[in-house]
Amino acid sequence: MARHVVPSLILTEAWEGYIFAGLEIRIKESTDLYGAVLWPSAMVLCHFLDANRDKYNLTDKNVIELGAGTGLVTIVSSMLGAKVTSTDLPDVLSNLRHNVLRNTKGHCKYIPQVTELIWGQELEQRFPRATHCFDYILAADVVYAHPYLEELMDTFDHLCQEDTQILWAMRFRLDPENSFVERFQKRFHLELLYDLPSLSIRLYRAWRKDKGTTPYSGEAAA
């Protein structure tokens, strides 16, 4: 993974460049919106997906990203062959859609679907479990000090079915992060994949407790 920055001197927009899956990705951030800034946990998750593409094979897999933000994780997943549904709040979607289309159109087998998802609201209407079966749920830095952690938990619970795997990177900042992990473990098995103390970031794999067995990495249901 490489990174470079192009400042907005003559051009009308500034973007940052990254190399994943052998391709350059150009990301536009919006400093006016908290959710449209690229956070380090997203970089960690992208590096993991790129470096472990054999074990966690995303080719033709159904993937949903929660809190997609700038879209980097969505874009990398799409470049690795996944069919991605990229979700976030309404005020983030314009910049998210811009980044996703700029980087995937003409480069990826499947163009990601960018759509609104407000955690905990209209989940069965928008993502009925009978027809929306995801192999992977991806999330980076979705847990922080906000009042919607229970809604996030309900969203994980609704989207995660018997053969779904969750790959979740988070930065530990405050006590709510720790308490959320404790509550999360009541519903899901949790495996630590990466621990980066210098960044206070951990990367987890999770799956439903009521499944009873561990899903084999890279072989989730198609």
C-alpha atoms as a PDB file:
ATOM      1  CA  MET A   1       0.000   0.000   0.000  1.00  0.00           C
ATOM      2  CA  ALA A   2       1.310   3.434  -0.963  1.00  0.00           C
ATOM      3  CA  ARG A   3      -0.083   6.915  -0.454  1.00  0.00           C
ATOM      4  CA  HIS A   4       0.397  10.367  -1.956  1.00  0.00           C
ATOM      5  CA  VAL A   5      -1.397  13.689  -1.757  1.00  0.00           C
ATOM      6  CA  VAL A   6      -2.278  16.117  -4.538  1.00  0.00           C
ATOM      7  CA  PRO A   7      -3.111  19.578  -3.140  1.00  0.00           C
ATOM      8  CA  SER A   8      -5.780  21.758  -4.660  1.00  0.00           C
ATOM      9  CA  LEU A   9      -3.675  24.509  -6.228  1.00  0.00           C
ATOM     10  CA  ILE A  10      -4.995  24.765  -9.774  1.00  0.00           C
ATOM     11  CA  LEU A  11      -7.512  21.953  -9.734  1.00  0.00           C
ATOM     12  CA  THR A  12     -10.875  22.486  -8.094  1.00  0.00           C
ATOM     13  CA  GLU A  13     -10.569  19.510  -5.808  1.00  0.00           C
ATOM     14  CA  ALA A  14      -7.973  17.873  -3.595  1.00  0.00           C
ATOM     15  CA  TRP A  15      -7.600  14.133  -3.369  1.00  0.00           C
ATOM     16  CA  GLU A  16      -5.364  11.580  -1.740  1.00  0.00           C
ATOM     17  CA  GLY A  17      -3.988   8.619  -3.645  1.00  0.00           C
ATOM     18  CA  TYR A  18      -3.588   5.064  -2.358  1.00  0.00           C
ATOM     19  CA  ILE A  19      -2.379   1.839  -3.943  1.00  0.00           C
ATOM     20  CA  PHE A  20      -4.327  -1.327  -3.148  1.00  0.00           C
ATOM     21  CA  ALA A  21      -4.853  -4.464  -5.231  1.00  0.00           C
ATOM     22  CA  GLY A  22      -2.235  -3.090  -7.624  1.00  0.00           C
ATOM     23  CA  LEU A  23      -4.385  -0.104  -8.592  1.00  0.00           C
ATOM     24  CA  GLU A  24      -4.345   3.577  -7.649  1.00  0.00           C
ATOM     25  CA  ILE A  25      -7.348   4.792  -5.700  1.00  0.00           C
ATOM     26  CA  ARG A  26      -8.158   8.498  -5.501  1.00  0.00           C
ATOM     27  CA  ILE A  27     -10.142   9.563  -2.449  1.00  0.00           C
ATOM     28  CA  LYS A  28     -11.810  12.923  -1.906  1.00  0.00           C
ATOM     29  CA  GLU A  29     -12.517  13.786   1.711  1.00  0.00           C
ATOM     30  CA  SER A  30     -14.976  16.306   3.108  1.00  0.00           C
ATOM     31  CA  THR A  31     -13.699  17.920   6.296  1.00  0.00           C
ATOM     32  CA  ASP A  32     -17.137  19.426   6.898  1.00  0.00           C
ATOM     33  CA  LEU A  33     -18.585  15.969   7.598  1.00  0.00           C
ATOM     34  CA  TYR A  34     -17.242  13.668  10.317  1.00  0.00           C
ATOM     35  CA  GLY A  35     -18.275  10.596   8.332  1.00  0.00           C
ATOM     36  CA  ALA A  36     -16.582  11.734   5.112  1.00  0.00           C
ATOM     37  CA  VAL A  37     -13.035  11.723   6.506  1.00  0.00           C
ATOM     38  CA  LEU A  38     -10.728   8.739   6.031  1.00  0.00           C
ATOM     39  CA  TRP A  39      -9.840   7.224   9.413  1.00  0.00           C
ATOM     40  CA  PRO A  40      -6.865   4.928  10.134  1.00  0.00           C
ATOM     41  CA  SER A  41      -9.030   1.883  10.861  1.00  0.00           C
ATOM     42  CA  ALA A  42     -10.202   1.881   7.244  1.00  0.00           C
ATOM     43  CA  MET A  43      -6.586   1.749   6.082  1.00  0.00           C
ATOM     44  CA  VAL A  44      -5.900  -1.181   8.401  1.00  0.00           C
ATOM     45  CA  LEU A  45      -8.926  -3.103   7.125  1.00  0.00           C
ATOM     46  CA  CYS A  46      -8.000  -2.431   3.481  1.00  0.00           C
ATOM     47  CA  HIS A  47      -4.425  -3.608   4.057  1.00  0.00           C
ATOM     48  CA  PHE A  48      -5.737  -6.781   5.709  1.00  0.00           C
ATOM     49  CA  LEU A  49      -8.114  -7.559   2.825  1.00  0.00           C
ATOM     50  CA  ASP A  50      -5.405  -6.940   0.225  1.00  0.00           C
ATOM     51  CA  ALA A  51      -2.738  -8.943   2.060  1.00  0.00           C
ATOM     52  CA  ASN A  52      -5.040 -11.869   2.900  1.00  0.00           C
ATOM     53  CA  ARG A  53      -6.985 -12.159  -0.332  1.00  0.00           C
ATOM     54  CA  ASP A  54      -6.375 -15.927  -0.558  1.00  0.00           C
ATOM     55  CA  LYS A  55      -7.686 -16.724   2.912  1.00  0.00           C
ATOM     56  CA  TYR A  56     -10.500 -14.159   2.766  1.00  0.00           C
ATOM     57  CA  ASN A  57     -11.417 -14.486  -0.892  1.00  0.00           C
ATOM     58  CA  LEU A  58     -13.942 -11.789  -1.814  1.00  0.00           C
ATOM     59  CA  THR A  59     -14.365 -12.837  -5.444  1.00  0.00           C
ATOM     60  CA  ASP A  60     -18.100 -12.932  -6.277  1.00  0.00           C
ATOM     61  CA  LYS A  61     -18.978 -12.641  -2.588  1.00  0.00           C
ATOM     62  CA  ASN A  62     -21.897 -10.547  -1.346  1.00  0.00           C
ATOM     63  CA  VAL A  63     -20.477  -7.836   0.914  1.00  0.00           C
ATOM     64  CA  ILE A  64     -22.040  -4.950   2.808  1.00  0.00           C
ATOM     65  CA  GLU A  65     -20.064  -2.130   4.394  1.00  0.00           C
ATOM     66  CA  LEU A  66     -21.494  -0.220   7.340  1.00  0.00           C
ATOM     67  CA  GLY A  67     -20.488   3.413   7.776  1.00  0.00           C
ATOM     68  CA  ALA A  68     -18.601   3.447   4.474  1.00  0.00           C
ATOM     69  CA  GLY A  69     -17.541   7.104   4.837  1.00  0.00           C
ATOM     70  CA  THR A  70     -15.162   7.982   2.000  1.00  0.00           C
ATOM     71  CA  GLY A  71     -15.649   4.558   0.411  1.00  0.00           C
ATOM     72  CA  LEU A  72     -12.065   3.257   0.544  1.00  0.00           C
ATOM     73  CA  VAL A  73     -13.008  -0.134   2.032  1.00  0.00           C
ATOM     74  CA  THR A  74     -15.867  -0.475  -0.451  1.00  0.00           C
ATOM     75  CA  ILE A  75     -13.550   0.343  -3.359  1.00  0.00           C
ATOM     76  CA  VAL A  76     -10.816  -2.085  -2.295  1.00  0.00           C
ATOM     77  CA  SER A  77     -13.377  -4.842  -1.743  1.00  0.00           C
ATOM     78  CA  SER A  78     -14.821  -4.210  -5.181  1.00  0.00           C
ATOM     79  CA  MET A  79     -11.347  -4.317  -6.754  1.00  0.00           C
ATOM     80  CA  LEU A  80     -10.875  -7.695  -5.057  1.00  0.00           C
ATOM     81  CA  GLY A  81     -13.965  -8.979  -6.869  1.00  0.00           C
ATOM     82  CA  ALA A  82     -16.778  -8.510  -4.355  1.00  0.00           C
ATOM     83  CA  LYS A  83     -20.366  -7.468  -5.013  1.00  0.00           C
ATOM     84  CA  VAL A  84     -20.551  -4.601  -2.529  1.00  0.00           C
ATOM     85  CA  THR A  85     -23.429  -2.706  -0.972  1.00  0.00           C
ATOM     86  CA  SER A  86     -21.924   0.482   0.446  1.00  0.00           C
ATOM     87  CA  THR A  87     -23.965   2.210   3.145  1.00  0.00           C
ATOM     88  CA  ASP A  88     -23.906   5.357   5.236  1.00  0.00           C
ATOM     89  CA  LEU A  89     -26.036   8.295   6.368  1.00  0.00           C
ATOM     90  CA  PRO A  90     -27.779  10.502   3.781  1.00  0.00           C
ATOM     91  CA  ASP A  91     -25.446  13.504   4.176  1.00  0.00           C
ATOM     92  CA  VAL A  92     -22.412  11.345   3.383  1.00  0.00           C
ATOM     93  CA  LEU A  93     -23.768   9.615   0.276  1.00  0.00           C
ATOM     94  CA  SER A  94     -22.872  12.277  -2.303  1.00  0.00           C
ATOM     95  CA  ASN A  95     -19.138  12.211  -1.564  1.00  0.00           C
ATOM     96  CA  LEU A  96     -19.233   8.426  -1.057  1.00  0.00           C
ATOM     97  CA  ARG A  97     -20.907   7.859  -4.417  1.00  0.00           C
ATOM     98  CA  HIS A  98     -18.429  10.219  -6.109  1.00  0.00           C
ATOM     99  CA  ASN A  99     -15.425   8.287  -4.780  1.00  0.00           C
ATOM    100  CA  VAL A 100     -16.902   4.870  -5.479  1.00  0.00           C
ATOM    101  CA  LEU A 101     -17.878   5.592  -9.084  1.00  0.00           C
ATOM    102  CA  ARG A 102     -14.627   7.400  -9.840  1.00  0.00           C
ATOM    103  CA  ASN A 103     -12.558   4.413  -8.750  1.00  0.00           C
ATOM    104  CA  THR A 104     -14.633   1.368  -9.707  1.00  0.00           C
ATOM    105  CA  LYS A 105     -16.376   2.190 -12.977  1.00  0.00           C
ATOM    106  CA  GLY A 106     -14.525   0.407 -15.757  1.00  0.00           C
ATOM    107  CA  HIS A 107     -12.099  -1.206 -13.292  1.00  0.00           C
ATOM    108  CA  CYS A 108     -14.228  -3.697 -11.354  1.00  0.00           C
ATOM    109  CA  LYS A 109     -16.425  -6.663 -12.257  1.00  0.00           C
ATOM    110  CA  TYR A 110     -19.212  -5.308 -10.067  1.00  0.00           C
ATOM    111  CA  ILE A 111     -19.998  -1.630  -9.490  1.00  0.00           C
ATOM    112  CA  PRO A 112     -20.884  -1.147  -5.804  1.00  0.00           C
ATOM    113  CA  GLN A 113     -24.399  -0.139  -4.865  1.00  0.00           C
ATOM    114  CA  VAL A 114     -24.343   2.992  -2.712  1.00  0.00           C
ATOM    115  CA  THR A 115     -27.377   3.337  -0.497  1.00  0.00           C
ATOM    116  CA  GLU A 116     -28.627   4.965   2.692  1.00  0.00           C
ATOM    117  CA  LEU A 117     -28.652   2.972   5.904  1.00  0.00           C
ATOM    118  CA  ILE A 118     -29.672   4.520   9.201  1.00  0.00           C
ATOM    119  CA  TRP A 119     -28.722   1.985  11.850  1.00  0.00           C
ATOM    120  CA  GLY A 120     -31.650   0.223  13.454  1.00  0.00           C
ATOM    121  CA  GLN A 121     -34.292   1.727  11.154  1.00  0.00           C
ATOM    122  CA  GLU A 122     -36.403  -0.162   8.595  1.00  0.00           C
ATOM    123  CA  LEU A 123     -33.879  -2.996   8.462  1.00  0.00           C
ATOM    124  CA  GLU A 124     -36.271  -5.735   7.349  1.00  0.00           C
ATOM    125  CA  GLN A 125     -37.974  -3.430   4.832  1.00  0.00           C
ATOM    126  CA  ARG A 126     -34.702  -2.243   3.295  1.00  0.00           C
ATOM    127  CA  PHE A 127     -32.653  -5.439   3.712  1.00  0.00           C
ATOM    128  CA  PRO A 128     -35.070  -8.387   4.037  1.00  0.00           C
ATOM    129  CA  ARG A 129     -33.207 -11.402   5.419  1.00  0.00           C
ATOM    130  CA  ALA A 130     -34.838 -13.768   2.947  1.00  0.00           C
ATOM    131  CA  THR A 131     -33.243 -12.045  -0.057  1.00  0.00           C
ATOM    132  CA  HIS A 132     -30.255 -10.134   1.364  1.00  0.00           C
ATOM    133  CA  CYS A 133     -27.742 -12.751   2.445  1.00  0.00           C
ATOM    134  CA  PHE A 134     -24.261 -11.327   2.907  1.00  0.00           C
ATOM    135  CA  ASP A 135     -21.066 -13.347   3.033  1.00  0.00           C
ATOM    136  CA  TYR A 136     -19.188 -10.510   4.737  1.00  0.00           C
ATOM    137  CA  ILE A 137     -20.072  -7.435   6.762  1.00  0.00           C
ATOM    138  CA  LEU A 138     -17.227  -4.911   6.743  1.00  0.00           C
ATOM    139  CA  ALA A 139     -16.954  -2.066   9.234  1.00  0.00           C
ATOM    140  CA  ALA A 140     -14.168   0.372  10.097  1.00  0.00           C
ATOM    141  CA  ASP A 141     -14.347   2.845  12.965  1.00  0.00           C
ATOM    142  CA  VAL A 142     -18.106   2.639  13.345  1.00  0.00           C
ATOM    143  CA  VAL A 143     -17.929   2.491  17.147  1.00  0.00           C
ATOM    144  CA  TYR A 144     -17.262   5.791  18.878  1.00  0.00           C
ATOM    145  CA  ALA A 145     -18.927   8.052  21.430  1.00  0.00           C
ATOM    146  CA  HIS A 146     -22.357   8.532  19.867  1.00  0.00           C
ATOM    147  CA  PRO A 147     -25.882   7.686  21.072  1.00  0.00           C
ATOM    148  CA  TYR A 148     -26.609   5.013  18.432  1.00  0.00           C
ATOM    149  CA  LEU A 149     -24.556   2.040  19.589  1.00  0.00           C
ATOM    150  CA  GLU A 150     -27.620  -0.077  20.374  1.00  0.00           C
ATOM    151  CA  GLU A 151     -28.944   0.640  16.884  1.00  0.00           C
ATOM    152  CA  LEU A 152     -25.577  -0.410  15.455  1.00  0.00           C
ATOM    153  CA  MET A 153     -25.780  -3.657  17.456  1.00  0.00           C
ATOM    154  CA  ASP A 154     -29.275  -4.321  16.088  1.00  0.00           C
ATOM    155  CA  THR A 155     -27.998  -3.682  12.569  1.00  0.00           C
ATOM    156  CA  PHE A 156     -25.156  -6.173  12.968  1.00  0.00           C
ATOM    157  CA  ASP A 157     -27.650  -8.657  14.377  1.00  0.00           C
ATOM    158  CA  HIS A 158     -30.092  -8.259  11.481  1.00  0.00           C
ATOM    159  CA  LEU A 159     -27.518  -8.424   8.675  1.00  0.00           C
ATOM    160  CA  CYS A 160     -25.368 -11.220  10.112  1.00  0.00           C
ATOM    161  CA  GLN A 161     -26.887 -14.573   9.182  1.00  0.00           C
ATOM    162  CA  GLU A 162     -25.719 -18.141   9.748  1.00  0.00           C
ATOM    163  CA  ASP A 163     -22.760 -18.089   7.334  1.00  0.00           C
ATOM    164  CA  THR A 164     -21.937 -14.381   7.485  1.00  0.00           C
ATOM    165  CA  GLN A 165     -18.542 -13.238   8.697  1.00  0.00           C
ATOM    166  CA  ILE A 166     -17.928  -9.782  10.159  1.00  0.00           C
ATOM    167  CA  LEU A 167     -14.544  -8.099   9.614  1.00  0.00           C
ATOM    168  CA  TRP A 168     -14.456  -5.097  11.897  1.00  0.00           C
ATOM    169  CA  ALA A 169     -11.600  -2.667  12.580  1.00  0.00           C
ATOM    170  CA  MET A 170     -11.937  -0.207  15.424  1.00  0.00           C
ATOM    171  CA  ARG A 171      -9.873   2.346  17.242  1.00  0.00           C
ATOM    172  CA  PHE A 172     -10.218   2.318  21.009  1.00  0.00           C
ATOM    173  CA  ARG A 173     -10.609   5.875  22.312  1.00  0.00           C
ATOM    174  CA  LEU A 174     -13.111   5.947  25.167  1.00  0.00           C
ATOM    175  CA  ASP A 175     -14.932   3.589  27.519  1.00  0.00           C
ATOM    176  CA  PRO A 176     -17.972   3.204  25.194  1.00  0.00           C
ATOM    177  CA  GLU A 177     -15.785   1.248  22.757  1.00  0.00           C
ATOM    178  CA  ASN A 178     -14.841  -1.261  25.464  1.00  0.00           C
ATOM    179  CA  SER A 179     -18.404  -1.673  26.733  1.00  0.00           C
ATOM    180  CA  PHE A 180     -19.710  -2.134  23.179  1.00  0.00           C
ATOM    181  CA  VAL A 181     -17.259  -4.990  22.595  1.00  0.00           C
ATOM    182  CA  GLU A 182     -18.431  -6.649  25.809  1.00  0.00           C
ATOM    183  CA  ARG A 183     -22.084  -6.424  24.733  1.00  0.00           C
ATOM    184  CA  PHE A 184     -21.174  -7.525  21.204  1.00  0.00           C
ATOM    185  CA  GLN A 185     -19.659 -10.733  22.564  1.00  0.00           C
ATOM    186  CA  LYS A 186     -22.998 -11.740  24.073  1.00  0.00           C
ATOM    187  CA  ARG A 187     -24.379 -12.180  20.542  1.00  0.00           C
ATOM    188  CA  PHE A 188     -21.277 -12.983  18.485  1.00  0.00           C
ATOM    189  CA  HIS A 189     -18.109 -15.026  18.652  1.00  0.00           C
ATOM    190  CA  LEU A 190     -15.126 -12.674  18.399  1.00  0.00           C
ATOM    191  CA  GLU A 191     -11.603 -13.450  17.163  1.00  0.00           C
ATOM    192  CA  LEU A 192      -8.768 -10.911  17.308  1.00  0.00           C
ATOM    193  CA  LEU A 193      -6.918 -10.852  13.978  1.00  0.00           C
ATOM    194  CA  TYR A 194      -4.718  -7.738  14.348  1.00  0.00           C
ATOM    195  CA  ASP A 195      -3.656  -5.712  17.360  1.00  0.00           C
ATOM    196  CA  LEU A 196      -1.836  -2.447  16.657  1.00  0.00           C
ATOM    197  CA  PRO A 197      -1.148  -0.821  20.046  1.00  0.00           C
ATOM    198  CA  SER A 198       0.676   2.142  18.522  1.00  0.00           C
ATOM    199  CA  LEU A 199      -2.553   3.139  16.750  1.00  0.00           C
ATOM    200  CA  SER A 200      -4.933   1.790  19.417  1.00  0.00           C
ATOM    201  CA  ILE A 201      -6.566  -0.211  16.600  1.00  0.00           C
ATOM    202  CA  ARG A 202      -7.778  -3.785  16.657  1.00  0.00           C
ATOM    203  CA  LEU A 203      -9.177  -5.861  13.811  1.00  0.00           C
ATOM    204  CA  TYR A 204     -11.708  -8.567  14.625  1.00  0.00           C
ATOM    205  CA  ARG A 205     -13.499 -11.399  12.875  1.00  0.00           C
ATOM    206  CA  ALA A 206     -16.931 -12.272  14.227  1.00  0.00           C
ATOM    207  CA  TRP A 207     -19.800 -14.659  13.545  1.00  0.00           C
ATOM    208  CA  ARG A 208     -23.133 -15.497  15.149  1.00  0.00           C
ATOM    209  CA  LYS A 209     -23.089 -17.438  18.395  1.00  0.00           C
ATOM    210  CA  ASP A 210     -26.309 -19.280  17.526  1.00  0.00           C
ATOM    211  CA  LYS A 211     -24.590 -20.852  14.515  1.00  0.00           C
ATOM    212  CA  GLY A 212     -22.665 -23.164  16.802  1.00  0.00           C
ATOM    213  CA  THR A 213     -19.655 -23.644  14.516  1.00  0.00           C
ATOM    214  CA  THR A 214     -16.868 -21.470  13.170  1.00  0.00           C
ATOM    215  CA  PRO A 215     -17.344 -20.434   9.524  1.00  0.00           C
ATOM    216  CA  TYR A 216     -14.330 -21.411   7.461  1.00  0.00           C
ATOM    217  CA  SER A 217     -12.391 -18.316   6.382  1.00  0.00           C
ATOM    218  CA  GLY A 218     -12.882 -17.502   2.725  1.00  0.00           C
ATOM    219  CA  GLU A 219     -15.641 -20.083   2.260  1.00  0.00           C
ATOM    220  CA  ALA A 220     -18.750 -18.263   3.389  1.00  0.00           C
ATOM    221  CA  ALA A 221     -21.981 -19.035   1.579  1.00  0.00           C
ATOM    222  CA  ALA A 222     -22.240 -17.603  -1.922  1.00  0.00           C
END
